[in-house]
C-alpha atoms as a PDB file:
ATOM      1  CA  MET A   1     101.192  73.814 106.114  1.00  0.00           C
ATOM      2  CA  PHE A   2     102.102  70.960 106.191  1.00  0.00           C
ATOM      3  CA  SER A   3     101.579  67.946 103.286  1.00  0.00           C
ATOM      4  CA  THR A   4     104.653  65.452 102.982  1.00  0.00           C
ATOM      5  CA  THR A   5     108.025  65.190 104.136  1.00  0.00           C
ATOM      6  CA  TRP A   6     111.643  65.779 103.031  1.00  0.00           C
ATOM      7  CA  GLY A   7     114.585  64.298 103.919  1.00  0.00           C
ATOM      8  CA  ASP A   8     113.713  64.744 108.138  1.00  0.00           C
ATOM      9  CA  GLN A   9     111.999  68.369 107.444  1.00  0.00           C
ATOM     10  CA  HIS A  10     108.414  69.039 107.475  1.00  0.00           C
ATOM     11  CA  VAL A  11     107.444  70.229 103.717  1.00  0.00           C
ATOM     12  CA  MET A  12     105.361  73.326 103.312  1.00  0.00           C
ATOM     13  CA  LYS A  13     102.947  74.134 100.649  1.00  0.00           C
ATOM     14  CA  GLU A  14     104.377  75.924  97.978  1.00  0.00           C
ATOM     15  CA  PRO A  15     103.137  79.482  96.510  1.00  0.00           C
ATOM     16  CA  SER A  16     101.918  78.624  92.281  1.00  0.00           C
ATOM     17  CA  VAL A  17     103.119  81.277  89.285  1.00  0.00           C
ATOM     18  CA  ARG A  18      98.973  81.951  90.478  1.00  0.00           C
ATOM     19  CA  ASP A  19     100.090  83.495  93.907  1.00  0.00           C
ATOM     20  CA  ALA A  20     102.382  85.156  92.621  1.00  0.00           C
ATOM     21  CA  LEU A  21      99.531  87.409  89.718  1.00  0.00           C
ATOM     22  CA  ASP A  22      97.467  87.773  92.947  1.00  0.00           C
ATOM     23  CA  ALA A  23     100.302  89.386  95.103  1.00  0.00           C
ATOM     24  CA  ARG A  24     100.230  91.850  92.374  1.00  0.00           C
ATOM     25  CA  ARG A  25      97.360  92.627  93.130  1.00  0.00           C
ATOM     26  CA  VAL A  26      97.473  93.192  97.060  1.00  0.00           C
ATOM     27  CA  ILE A  27     101.136  94.733  96.790  1.00  0.00           C
ATOM     28  CA  THR A  28     100.194  97.022  93.775  1.00  0.00           C
ATOM     29  CA  PRO A  29      98.899 100.591  94.775  1.00  0.00           C
ATOM     30  CA  TYR A  30     102.127 100.360  97.361  1.00  0.00           C
ATOM     31  CA  ILE A  31     105.068  99.505  95.745  1.00  0.00           C
ATOM     32  CA  THR A  32     107.206 100.629  92.259  1.00  0.00           C
ATOM     33  CA  ARG A  33     107.723  98.451  89.341  1.00  0.00           C
ATOM     34  CA  THR A  34     111.579  98.793  89.120  1.00  0.00           C
ATOM     35  CA  PRO A  35     113.046  99.224  85.591  1.00  0.00           C
ATOM     36  CA  LEU A  36     114.423  96.586  83.936  1.00  0.00           C
ATOM     37  CA  ARG A  37     117.971  97.897  82.195  1.00  0.00           C
ATOM     38  CA  GLN A  38     120.940  97.396  79.195  1.00  0.00           C
ATOM     39  CA  TYR A  39     123.898  98.168  80.136  1.00  0.00           C
ATOM     40  CA  PRO A  40     127.109  98.197  77.569  1.00  0.00           C
ATOM     41  CA  ALA A  41     129.576  98.706  80.387  1.00  0.00           C
ATOM     42  CA  LEU A  42     128.815  95.678  81.852  1.00  0.00           C
ATOM     43  CA  SER A  43     127.561  94.252  78.977  1.00  0.00           C
ATOM     44  CA  SER A  44     131.321  94.109  77.841  1.00  0.00           C
ATOM     45  CA  LEU A  45     132.429  93.348  81.366  1.00  0.00           C
ATOM     46  CA  ILE A  46     130.439  89.353  81.136  1.00  0.00           C
ATOM     47  CA  GLY A  47     130.687  89.302  77.146  1.00  0.00           C
ATOM     48  CA  ALA A  48     127.101  88.606  77.140  1.00  0.00           C
ATOM     49  CA  ASP A  49     123.898  90.473  76.635  1.00  0.00           C
ATOM     50  CA  VAL A  50     123.436  91.572  80.435  1.00  0.00           C
ATOM     51  CA  TRP A  51     120.247  93.725  82.553  1.00  0.00           C
ATOM     52  CA  VAL A  52     119.993  94.213  85.732  1.00  0.00           C
ATOM     53  CA  LYS A  53     116.759  94.315  86.614  1.00  0.00           C
ATOM     54  CA  HIS A  54     116.751  97.366  90.059  1.00  0.00           C
ATOM     55  CA  GLU A  55     115.017  96.173  92.887  1.00  0.00           C
ATOM     56  CA  ASN A  56     117.886  98.502  94.588  1.00  0.00           C
ATOM     57  CA  PHE A  57     115.826 101.142  93.058  1.00  0.00           C
ATOM     58  CA  GLN A  58     111.913 100.087  94.768  1.00  0.00           C
ATOM     59  CA  ILE A  59     110.503 101.603  97.830  1.00  0.00           C
ATOM     60  CA  LEU A  60     112.560 100.740 100.873  1.00  0.00           C
ATOM     61  CA  GLY A  61     115.570 100.240  98.434  1.00  0.00           C
ATOM     62  CA  ALA A  62     115.119  96.552  98.122  1.00  0.00           C
ATOM     63  CA  PHE A  63     113.244  93.619  97.200  1.00  0.00           C
ATOM     64  CA  LYS A  64     111.731  92.406 100.291  1.00  0.00           C
ATOM     65  CA  VAL A  65     108.552  95.107 100.561  1.00  0.00           C
ATOM     66  CA  ARG A  66     107.084  92.818  97.977  1.00  0.00           C
ATOM     67  CA  GLY A  67     106.970  89.852 100.361  1.00  0.00           C
ATOM     68  CA  GLY A  68     106.089  91.972 103.524  1.00  0.00           C
ATOM     69  CA  LEU A  69     103.289  93.798 101.773  1.00  0.00           C
ATOM     70  CA  ASN A  70     101.666  90.603 100.450  1.00  0.00           C
ATOM     71  CA  LEU A  71     101.921  89.047 103.772  1.00  0.00           C
ATOM     72  CA  ILE A  72     100.647  91.021 105.503  1.00  0.00           C
ATOM     73  CA  GLY A  73      97.434  92.264 103.212  1.00  0.00           C
ATOM     74  CA  ARG A  74      96.137  89.733 103.425  1.00  0.00           C
ATOM     75  CA  THR A  75      95.864  89.075 107.624  1.00  0.00           C
ATOM     76  CA  THR A  76      92.872  89.678 109.750  1.00  0.00           C
ATOM     77  CA  LYS A  77      92.326  92.807 112.165  1.00  0.00           C
ATOM     78  CA  GLN A  78      92.440  91.027 114.960  1.00  0.00           C
ATOM     79  CA  GLU A  79      95.996  89.634 113.432  1.00  0.00           C
ATOM     80  CA  ARG A  80      96.968  93.421 113.208  1.00  0.00           C
ATOM     81  CA  ALA A  81      95.671  94.386 116.573  1.00  0.00           C
ATOM     82  CA  ARG A  82      98.130  91.368 117.732  1.00  0.00           C
ATOM     83  CA  GLY A  83     101.120  93.084 116.127  1.00  0.00           C
ATOM     84  CA  PHE A  84     104.387  91.493 114.689  1.00  0.00           C
ATOM     85  CA  VAL A  85     107.151  90.228 115.047  1.00  0.00           C
ATOM     86  CA  THR A  86     110.072  89.221 113.345  1.00  0.00           C
ATOM     87  CA  ALA A  87     114.124  88.552 112.966  1.00  0.00           C
ATOM     88  CA  SER A  88     115.870  90.282 110.348  1.00  0.00           C
ATOM     89  CA  THR A  89     119.254  91.907 109.348  1.00  0.00           C
ATOM     90  CA  GLY A  90     117.584  94.636 107.785  1.00  0.00           C
ATOM     91  CA  ASN A  91     116.067  94.374 104.944  1.00  0.00           C
ATOM     92  CA  HIS A  92     112.812  91.955 105.531  1.00  0.00           C
ATOM     93  CA  GLY A  93     112.710  94.087 108.325  1.00  0.00           C
ATOM     94  CA  GLN A  94     111.810  96.935 106.711  1.00  0.00           C
ATOM     95  CA  SER A  95     109.686  94.893 104.628  1.00  0.00           C
ATOM     96  CA  ILE A  96     107.666  94.322 107.884  1.00  0.00           C
ATOM     97  CA  ALA A  97     107.897  97.438 109.515  1.00  0.00           C
ATOM     98  CA  PHE A  98     106.006  99.389 106.795  1.00  0.00           C
ATOM     99  CA  ALA A  99     103.768  97.301 106.112  1.00  0.00           C
ATOM    100  CA  ALA A 100     102.410  96.760 108.890  1.00  0.00           C
ATOM    101  CA  ARG A 101     102.221 100.502 109.616  1.00  0.00           C
ATOM    102  CA  THR A 102     100.485 100.548 105.450  1.00  0.00           C
ATOM    103  CA  PHE A 103      97.581  98.096 107.323  1.00  0.00           C
ATOM    104  CA  GLY A 104      97.434 100.039 110.863  1.00  0.00           C
ATOM    105  CA  ALA A 105      99.510  97.228 112.705  1.00  0.00           C
ATOM    106  CA  ALA A 106     102.675  97.730 114.999  1.00  0.00           C
ATOM    107  CA  ALA A 107     105.632  95.670 114.124  1.00  0.00           C
ATOM    108  CA  THR A 108     109.379  94.510 116.415  1.00  0.00           C
ATOM    109  CA  ILE A 109     112.044  93.776 114.216  1.00  0.00           C
ATOM    110  CA  VAL A 110     114.709  92.213 116.566  1.00  0.00           C
ATOM    111  CA  VAL A 111     118.332  92.944 114.578  1.00  0.00           C
ATOM    112  CA  PRO A 112     121.369  91.124 115.723  1.00  0.00           C
ATOM    113  CA  GLU A 113     124.213  93.651 116.977  1.00  0.00           C
ATOM    114  CA  GLY A 114     125.642  95.113 114.748  1.00  0.00           C
ATOM    115  CA  ALA A 115     122.919  95.652 112.533  1.00  0.00           C
ATOM    116  CA  ASN A 116     123.329  97.454 109.091  1.00  0.00           C
ATOM    117  CA  PRO A 117     122.913 101.798 110.723  1.00  0.00           C
ATOM    118  CA  ILE A 118     121.352 103.016 107.519  1.00  0.00           C
ATOM    119  CA  LYS A 119     118.254  99.935 107.422  1.00  0.00           C
ATOM    120  CA  ILE A 120     118.569 100.346 111.462  1.00  0.00           C
ATOM    121  CA  ALA A 121     117.631 103.798 111.266  1.00  0.00           C
ATOM    122  CA  ALA A 122     115.581 103.038 108.539  1.00  0.00           C
ATOM    123  CA  MET A 123     113.101 100.339 110.832  1.00  0.00           C
ATOM    124  CA  GLU A 124     112.885 103.203 113.040  1.00  0.00           C
ATOM    125  CA  ALA A 125     111.631 105.642 110.705  1.00  0.00           C
ATOM    126  CA  LEU A 126     109.017 103.179 109.826  1.00  0.00           C
ATOM    127  CA  GLY A 127     107.709 103.084 113.705  1.00  0.00           C
ATOM    128  CA  ALA A 128     109.164  99.738 114.615  1.00  0.00           C
ATOM    129  CA  ARG A 129     110.887  99.232 117.601  1.00  0.00           C
ATOM    130  CA  VAL A 130     113.620  97.996 116.781  1.00  0.00           C
ATOM    131  CA  VAL A 131     115.675  94.995 119.565  1.00  0.00           C
ATOM    132  CA  PHE A 132     118.772  94.346 119.386  1.00  0.00           C
ATOM    133  CA  HIS A 133     119.669  90.512 120.409  1.00  0.00           C
ATOM    134  CA  GLY A 134     122.922  88.361 119.471  1.00  0.00           C
ATOM    135  CA  LYS A 135     125.738  88.515 117.263  1.00  0.00           C
ATOM    136  CA  VAL A 136     124.279  85.861 114.420  1.00  0.00           C
ATOM    137  CA  PHE A 137     121.141  86.157 112.577  1.00  0.00           C
ATOM    138  CA  GLU A 138     119.513  83.330 114.143  1.00  0.00           C
ATOM    139  CA  ALA A 139     120.122  84.083 117.628  1.00  0.00           C
ATOM    140  CA  ALA A 140     118.296  86.603 116.392  1.00  0.00           C
ATOM    141  CA  ARG A 141     116.029  84.613 115.419  1.00  0.00           C
ATOM    142  CA  GLU A 142     114.896  83.027 118.196  1.00  0.00           C
ATOM    143  CA  GLN A 143     114.454  86.083 120.493  1.00  0.00           C
ATOM    144  CA  ALA A 144     111.691  86.916 117.811  1.00  0.00           C
ATOM    145  CA  GLU A 145     109.780  83.413 118.731  1.00  0.00           C
ATOM    146  CA  THR A 146     110.388  83.829 121.958  1.00  0.00           C
ATOM    147  CA  LEU A 147     108.703  87.283 121.921  1.00  0.00           C
ATOM    148  CA  ALA A 148     105.937  86.072 119.432  1.00  0.00           C
ATOM    149  CA  ALA A 149     105.034  83.675 122.023  1.00  0.00           C
ATOM    150  CA  ASP A 150     105.549  85.766 125.368  1.00  0.00           C
ATOM    151  CA  THR A 151     102.979  88.845 123.552  1.00  0.00           C
ATOM    152  CA  GLY A 152     101.286  86.780 121.451  1.00  0.00           C
ATOM    153  CA  ALA A 153     101.930  88.798 118.155  1.00  0.00           C
ATOM    154  CA  ARG A 154     101.982  87.023 114.711  1.00  0.00           C
ATOM    155  CA  TYR A 155     105.448  85.887 114.303  1.00  0.00           C
ATOM    156  CA  VAL A 156     106.765  86.415 110.668  1.00  0.00           C
ATOM    157  CA  HIS A 157     109.617  83.710 110.458  1.00  0.00           C
ATOM    158  CA  PRO A 158     111.938  85.218 107.233  1.00  0.00           C
ATOM    159  CA  ALA A 159     111.974  82.462 104.708  1.00  0.00           C
ATOM    160  CA  ASN A 160     109.313  80.079 105.550  1.00  0.00           C
ATOM    161  CA  GLU A 161     106.244  81.872 104.826  1.00  0.00           C
ATOM    162  CA  PRO A 162     104.468  81.025 101.076  1.00  0.00           C
ATOM    163  CA  ALA A 163     102.582  84.639 101.470  1.00  0.00           C
ATOM    164  CA  LEU A 164     105.967  85.911 101.738  1.00  0.00           C
ATOM    165  CA  ILE A 165     107.978  84.144  98.498  1.00  0.00           C
ATOM    166  CA  ALA A 166     104.833  85.157  96.302  1.00  0.00           C
ATOM    167  CA  GLY A 167     105.063  88.630  97.397  1.00  0.00           C
ATOM    168  CA  VAL A 168     108.641  88.492  96.390  1.00  0.00           C
ATOM    169  CA  ALA A 169     108.309  86.878  92.948  1.00  0.00           C
ATOM    170  CA  THR A 170     106.409  89.116  91.356  1.00  0.00           C
ATOM    171  CA  TYR A 171     109.232  91.264  90.660  1.00  0.00           C
ATOM    172  CA  THR A 172     110.583  87.485  88.196  1.00  0.00           C
ATOM    173  CA  LEU A 173     106.881  88.915  86.971  1.00  0.00           C
ATOM    174  CA  GLU A 174     107.386  91.752  85.782  1.00  0.00           C
ATOM    175  CA  VAL A 175     111.170  90.568  83.672  1.00  0.00           C
ATOM    176  CA  HIS A 176     109.418  87.700  82.089  1.00  0.00           C
ATOM    177  CA  GLU A 177     106.796  90.450  81.238  1.00  0.00           C
ATOM    178  CA  ASP A 178     109.364  93.190  79.743  1.00  0.00           C
ATOM    179  CA  LEU A 179     112.309  90.965  78.314  1.00  0.00           C
ATOM    180  CA  SER A 180     111.756  87.629  76.476  1.00  0.00           C
ATOM    181  CA  ASN A 181     114.797  85.069  75.628  1.00  0.00           C
ATOM    182  CA  ILE A 182     116.209  84.904  78.540  1.00  0.00           C
ATOM    183  CA  ASP A 183     119.158  82.181  78.673  1.00  0.00           C
ATOM    184  CA  VAL A 184     120.181  82.778  82.503  1.00  0.00           C
ATOM    185  CA  ILE A 185     118.488  84.756  85.692  1.00  0.00           C
ATOM    186  CA  ILE A 186     121.022  85.455  88.282  1.00  0.00           C
ATOM    187  CA  VAL A 187     119.521  85.731  91.770  1.00  0.00           C
ATOM    188  CA  PRO A 188     121.401  86.731  95.128  1.00  0.00           C
ATOM    189  CA  LEU A 189     120.095  83.613  98.008  1.00  0.00           C
ATOM    190  CA  GLY A 190     119.820  84.520 102.177  1.00  0.00           C
ATOM    191  CA  ALA A 191     117.110  82.872 103.215  1.00  0.00           C
ATOM    192  CA  GLY A 192     115.703  82.150  99.658  1.00  0.00           C
ATOM    193  CA  SER A 193     112.906  83.823  99.628  1.00  0.00           C
ATOM    194  CA  GLY A 194     113.613  85.767  96.364  1.00  0.00           C
ATOM    195  CA  ALA A 195     115.463  82.737  94.386  1.00  0.00           C
ATOM    196  CA  SER A 196     112.227  81.193  95.210  1.00  0.00           C
ATOM    197  CA  GLY A 197     110.600  82.929  93.947  1.00  0.00           C
ATOM    198  CA  ALA A 198     112.553  83.633  90.988  1.00  0.00           C
ATOM    199  CA  CYS A 199     112.090  79.934  90.153  1.00  0.00           C
ATOM    200  CA  ILE A 200     107.783  79.084  90.842  1.00  0.00           C
ATOM    201  CA  VAL A 201     107.648  82.368  87.909  1.00  0.00           C
ATOM    202  CA  THR A 202     110.457  80.956  86.083  1.00  0.00           C
ATOM    203  CA  ASP A 203     109.026  77.366  85.745  1.00  0.00           C
ATOM    204  CA  ALA A 204     105.704  78.713  84.740  1.00  0.00           C
ATOM    205  CA  LEU A 205     106.927  81.657  82.510  1.00  0.00           C
ATOM    206  CA  SER A 206     109.836  80.914  80.691  1.00  0.00           C
ATOM    207  CA  PRO A 207     111.001  77.090  81.195  1.00  0.00           C
ATOM    208  CA  ASP A 208     114.020  77.606  78.987  1.00  0.00           C
ATOM    209  CA  THR A 209     115.294  80.085  81.345  1.00  0.00           C
ATOM    210  CA  ARG A 210     118.356  79.377  83.539  1.00  0.00           C
ATOM    211  CA  VAL A 211     117.976  80.442  86.940  1.00  0.00           C
ATOM    212  CA  VAL A 212     121.714  80.059  89.360  1.00  0.00           C
ATOM    213  CA  ALA A 213     121.311  81.106  92.562  1.00  0.00           C
ATOM    214  CA  VAL A 214     124.102  82.613  93.891  1.00  0.00           C
ATOM    215  CA  GLN A 215     125.028  83.210  98.250  1.00  0.00           C
ATOM    216  CA  ALA A 216     128.571  83.894 100.004  1.00  0.00           C
ATOM    217  CA  ALA A 217     130.884  81.452 100.174  1.00  0.00           C
ATOM    218  CA  ALA A 218     131.807  82.952 103.814  1.00  0.00           C
ATOM    219  CA  ALA A 219     127.716  81.593 104.238  1.00  0.00           C
ATOM    220  CA  PRO A 220     127.580  78.902 102.763  1.00  0.00           C
ATOM    221  CA  ALA A 221     124.689  77.198 104.620  1.00  0.00           C
ATOM    222  CA  GLY A 222     121.596  77.709 102.111  1.00  0.00           C
ATOM    223  CA  TYR A 223     124.179  76.384  99.291  1.00  0.00           C
ATOM    224  CA  ARG A 224     125.284  73.356 101.189  1.00  0.00           C
ATOM    225  CA  SER A 225     121.434  72.357 101.965  1.00  0.00           C
ATOM    226  CA  TRP A 226     120.429  72.788  98.721  1.00  0.00           C
ATOM    227  CA  LYS A 227     123.363  70.330  97.345  1.00  0.00           C
ATOM    228  CA  GLU A 228     122.905  67.859 100.479  1.00  0.00           C
ATOM    229  CA  GLY A 229     119.327  67.629 100.360  1.00  0.00           C
ATOM    230  CA  LYS A 230     119.106  68.508 103.791  1.00  0.00           C
ATOM    231  CA  LEU A 231     118.476  71.406 105.981  1.00  0.00           C
ATOM    232  CA  VAL A 232     122.324  72.203 107.507  1.00  0.00           C
ATOM    233  CA  SER A 233     124.009  75.052 109.760  1.00  0.00           C
ATOM    234  CA  ALA A 234     127.221  76.630 108.542  1.00  0.00           C
ATOM    235  CA  GLU A 235     129.747  78.849 110.031  1.00  0.00           C
ATOM    236  CA  MET A 236     127.848  82.843 108.785  1.00  0.00           C
ATOM    237  CA  GLN A 237     131.166  85.432 107.621  1.00  0.00           C
ATOM    238  CA  THR A 238     130.531  87.481 104.736  1.00  0.00           C
ATOM    239  CA  SER A 239     130.048  91.702 105.424  1.00  0.00           C
ATOM    240  CA  ALA A 240     127.327  91.224 102.887  1.00  0.00           C
ATOM    241  CA  GLU A 241     124.124  90.932 104.943  1.00  0.00           C
ATOM    242  CA  GLY A 242     121.819  90.191 103.461  1.00  0.00           C
ATOM    243  CA  LEU A 243     122.749  87.106 102.097  1.00  0.00           C
ATOM    244  CA  ALA A 244     124.035  86.384 106.161  1.00  0.00           C
ATOM    245  CA  THR A 245     122.153  83.531 107.229  1.00  0.00           C
ATOM    246  CA  SER A 246     123.610  80.833 108.746  1.00  0.00           C
ATOM    247  CA  GLN A 247     120.886  77.699 107.990  1.00  0.00           C
ATOM    248  CA  GLY A 248     119.075  76.562 105.503  1.00  0.00           C
ATOM    249  CA  TYR A 249     115.097  77.304 105.461  1.00  0.00           C
ATOM    250  CA  GLU A 250     112.773  74.315 105.084  1.00  0.00           C
ATOM    251  CA  LEU A 251     110.707  76.233 103.034  1.00  0.00           C
ATOM    252  CA  PRO A 252     112.979  77.932  99.919  1.00  0.00           C
ATOM    253  CA  GLN A 253     114.846  74.928 100.666  1.00  0.00           C
ATOM    254  CA  GLN A 254     111.909  72.814  99.481  1.00  0.00           C
ATOM    255  CA  ILE A 255     111.558  74.417  96.405  1.00  0.00           C
ATOM    256  CA  LEU A 256     114.984  74.775  95.613  1.00  0.00           C
ATOM    257  CA  LYS A 257     115.997  70.465  95.542  1.00  0.00           C
ATOM    258  CA  LYS A 258     113.238  70.735  92.770  1.00  0.00           C
ATOM    259  CA  ARG A 259     113.472  74.078  90.535  1.00  0.00           C
ATOM    260  CA  LEU A 260     116.860  75.759  90.819  1.00  0.00           C
ATOM    261  CA  ASP A 261     118.666  74.949  88.178  1.00  0.00           C
ATOM    262  CA  SER A 262     122.385  75.965  89.424  1.00  0.00           C
ATOM    263  CA  PHE A 263     123.678  77.118  92.304  1.00  0.00           C
ATOM    264  CA  VAL A 264     127.372  78.670  92.898  1.00  0.00           C
ATOM    265  CA  LEU A 265     129.043  81.126  96.042  1.00  0.00           C
ATOM    266  CA  VAL A 266     131.564  83.987  95.433  1.00  0.00           C
ATOM    267  CA  SER A 267     133.907  85.309  97.349  1.00  0.00           C
ATOM    268  CA  GLU A 268     133.960  88.828  99.194  1.00  0.00           C
ATOM    269  CA  GLU A 269     136.491  90.134  97.484  1.00  0.00           C
ATOM    270  CA  ARG A 270     134.429  89.827  94.365  1.00  0.00           C
ATOM    271  CA  ILE A 271     131.451  90.687  95.896  1.00  0.00           C
ATOM    272  CA  ARG A 272     133.969  93.938  96.088  1.00  0.00           C
ATOM    273  CA  GLU A 273     134.497  94.755  93.167  1.00  0.00           C
ATOM    274  CA  ALA A 274     130.753  94.657  92.160  1.00  0.00           C
ATOM    275  CA  ILE A 275     129.425  96.926  94.091  1.00  0.00           C
ATOM    276  CA  TYR A 276     132.403  98.562  92.580  1.00  0.00           C
ATOM    277  CA  ALA A 277     131.625  97.871  89.091  1.00  0.00           C
ATOM    278  CA  TYR A 278     127.287  98.648  89.733  1.00  0.00           C
ATOM    279  CA  VAL A 279     129.296 102.650  90.555  1.00  0.00           C
ATOM    280  CA  GLN A 280     131.601 102.297  87.108  1.00  0.00           C
ATOM    281  CA  CYS A 281     129.135 100.595  84.724  1.00  0.00           C
ATOM    282  CA  THR A 282     126.042 101.516  86.080  1.00  0.00           C
ATOM    283  CA  ARG A 283     126.458 104.854  88.556  1.00  0.00           C
ATOM    284  CA  THR A 284     124.336 102.759  91.379  1.00  0.00           C
ATOM    285  CA  LEU A 285     124.977 102.063  94.585  1.00  0.00           C
ATOM    286  CA  VAL A 286     123.985  98.130  95.599  1.00  0.00           C
ATOM    287  CA  GLU A 287     124.871  96.224  98.616  1.00  0.00           C
ATOM    288  CA  GLY A 288     126.379  93.566  98.965  1.00  0.00           C
ATOM    289  CA  ALA A 289     123.978  90.956  98.758  1.00  0.00           C
ATOM    290  CA  GLY A 290     122.651  93.814  95.298  1.00  0.00           C
ATOM    291  CA  ALA A 291     125.586  92.710  93.995  1.00  0.00           C
ATOM    292  CA  ALA A 292     126.094  89.051  94.324  1.00  0.00           C
ATOM    293  CA  ALA A 293     124.575  88.113  91.022  1.00  0.00           C
ATOM    294  CA  LEU A 294     127.205  90.714  89.345  1.00  0.00           C
ATOM    295  CA  ALA A 295     129.458  88.922  91.437  1.00  0.00           C
ATOM    296  CA  ALA A 296     128.723  84.861  90.293  1.00  0.00           C
ATOM    297  CA  ALA A 297     128.675  86.843  86.440  1.00  0.00           C
ATOM    298  CA  ILE A 298     132.174  87.818  86.471  1.00  0.00           C
ATOM    299  CA  ASP A 299     133.224  84.465  87.433  1.00  0.00           C
ATOM    300  CA  MET A 300     131.086  82.622  85.089  1.00  0.00           C
ATOM    301  CA  LYS A 301     132.399  84.843  81.985  1.00  0.00           C
ATOM    302  CA  LYS A 302     132.925  81.487  79.994  1.00  0.00           C
ATOM    303  CA  GLU A 303     130.131  79.647  80.571  1.00  0.00           C
ATOM    304  CA  LEU A 304     127.608  83.396  79.832  1.00  0.00           C
ATOM    305  CA  ALA A 305     129.928  84.284  76.898  1.00  0.00           C
ATOM    306  CA  GLY A 306     127.373  85.216  74.435  1.00  0.00           C
ATOM    307  CA  LYS A 307     124.025  84.676  76.125  1.00  0.00           C
ATOM    308  CA  ARG A 308     121.198  86.933  77.575  1.00  0.00           C
ATOM    309  CA  VAL A 309     121.920  86.692  81.086  1.00  0.00           C
ATOM    310  CA  VAL A 310     119.505  88.706  83.743  1.00  0.00           C
ATOM    311  CA  LEU A 311     121.131  89.767  87.440  1.00  0.00           C
ATOM    312  CA  ILE A 312     118.619  90.832  90.469  1.00  0.00           C
ATOM    313  CA  ALA A 313     120.127  93.786  91.934  1.00  0.00           C
ATOM    314  CA  SER A 314     118.405  92.619  94.642  1.00  0.00           C
ATOM    315  CA  GLY A 315     119.238  95.585  97.772  1.00  0.00           C
ATOM    316  CA  GLY A 316     120.517  99.274  97.605  1.00  0.00           C
ATOM    317  CA  ASN A 317     120.943  99.738 101.039  1.00  0.00           C
ATOM    318  CA  ILE A 318     124.851 100.265 102.189  1.00  0.00           C
ATOM    319  CA  ALA A 319     126.097 102.364 104.803  1.00  0.00           C
ATOM    320  CA  PRO A 320     128.330 105.237 104.303  1.00  0.00           C
ATOM    321  CA  ASP A 321     131.270 103.061 105.681  1.00  0.00           C
ATOM    322  CA  GLN A 322     130.885  99.916 103.641  1.00  0.00           C
ATOM    323  CA  LEU A 323     130.539 102.144 100.775  1.00  0.00           C
ATOM    324  CA  ARG A 324     133.732 103.286 101.483  1.00  0.00           C
ATOM    325  CA  ALA A 325     136.250 100.612 101.840  1.00  0.00           C
ATOM    326  CA  VAL A 326     134.735  99.010  98.962  1.00  0.00           C
ATOM    327  CA  LEU A 327     135.487 102.604  97.551  1.00  0.00           C
ATOM    328  CA  SER A 328     139.168 101.797  98.553  1.00  0.00           C
ATOM    329  CA  SER A 329     139.935  98.754  98.688  1.00  0.00           C
ATOM    330  CA  VAL A 330     139.101  97.857  94.995  1.00  0.00           C
ATOM    331  CA  SER A 331     140.256 101.422  93.480  1.00  0.00           C
ATOM    332  CA  ALA A 332     143.630 100.457  95.114  1.00  0.00           C
ATOM    333  CA  THR A 333     144.229  97.009  93.541  1.00  0.00           C
ATOM    334  CA  ALA A 334     142.552  98.448  89.936  1.00  0.00           C
END
């Protein structure tokens, strides 16, 4: 798996666009090809030709399912008999739970206390055992590693898994197949699998297209790792659980360092405004992470003016109380 070193870190084997194409073969029977839609109201808001890749319409309401299906779909019967353990703030956990059920395996998902109840209920409905541990994602991840070691289950890292990245990269294949002459793709970044996959596919299929990653300013570990060229930890206070990681991860950062064109941070207020704008302009629901690309586009209006822009709406699993709070706070200031 390791071939060289990056800074003080091992360098892992990166998936290629061929791996993404092969992943599509594995996962196509189980997923939806999500729409890529243009919205005049969003284009007017940004002053650009804006298109939305609706992964919030995906099975389970998020892009992550593509990665889980590709990873577990490639495991052996022996590995499936051992079961799978991972950590998640929600969407990754749903992905592993769904894929494990699809391929006849058991799954245990460790989540931080206070995780999104909608996502917890979905994981349990899929047959996964959900374990609460710690107040932040990193505590849950460490506990998942311990559980896997104790039980002999296959541990699934939320980011350092080439098969996960190849799986989620399939949504970018669809983007480039459905639309040409794209100037910019803006991708939310939590652990980094989606942004990494977008970079790999875009470099191969449309090298003139710029890929921009966006993370919450209240959880900037991925951004700081990319800027500083080493894995760093940072305080995590964002309400957007899909972006709520407190450190950079090895494999995504390795890919992003070589391939990502730009990286921006957005405020909690701007994320809320973007959730509201999706309801107002597209009549669709997105969670905080799913709104991050639009939040970045609002901040980047001058830079994006007149360009063809694709926003990745990565997920729609917003809890009712979260939505009520957004609608109340944004409408009060509008």
